[in-house]
Amino acid sequence: MATEQLVVRDDPAHHRFEIALDDGTVAVAEYELREGKILFTHTEVPDGHEGKGIGTALIRFALNAARERGLTVVPICPFFADYMKKHAEVKDRLDKGGRKTLGLD
């Protein structure tokens, strides 16, 4: 499945963004909401699907959703934190504590 064909959806009941994959597995980016913030706690791409851009698609979608909702981001998940550290266009979404954790202050 090409990354441009991936459908990401928010599943607020389970506190996660998800992509249903062709083999019946699901890639997820789990989150917790706090007042004015979204904490990304865990990202998981099923075995055999790593390195195909699925995790990155989840992150991009989730960060766009945070921007649309006016939420700052706390990247607890190392995959999220690494992405945010490498992409200047999303650093403005970082919570002040997240900026410090990533060494950006």
Foldseek 3Di string as FASTA:
>chain_A
DALVPWDWDQDVVQQWIWTQDPVRDIWIFHWDDDVQAIEGADTDDDPPCPPRCPSVSRLVVVLVVSVVVNHAYAYNYPVNLVVCLPDPVRVVSHDPVNCVVSVND
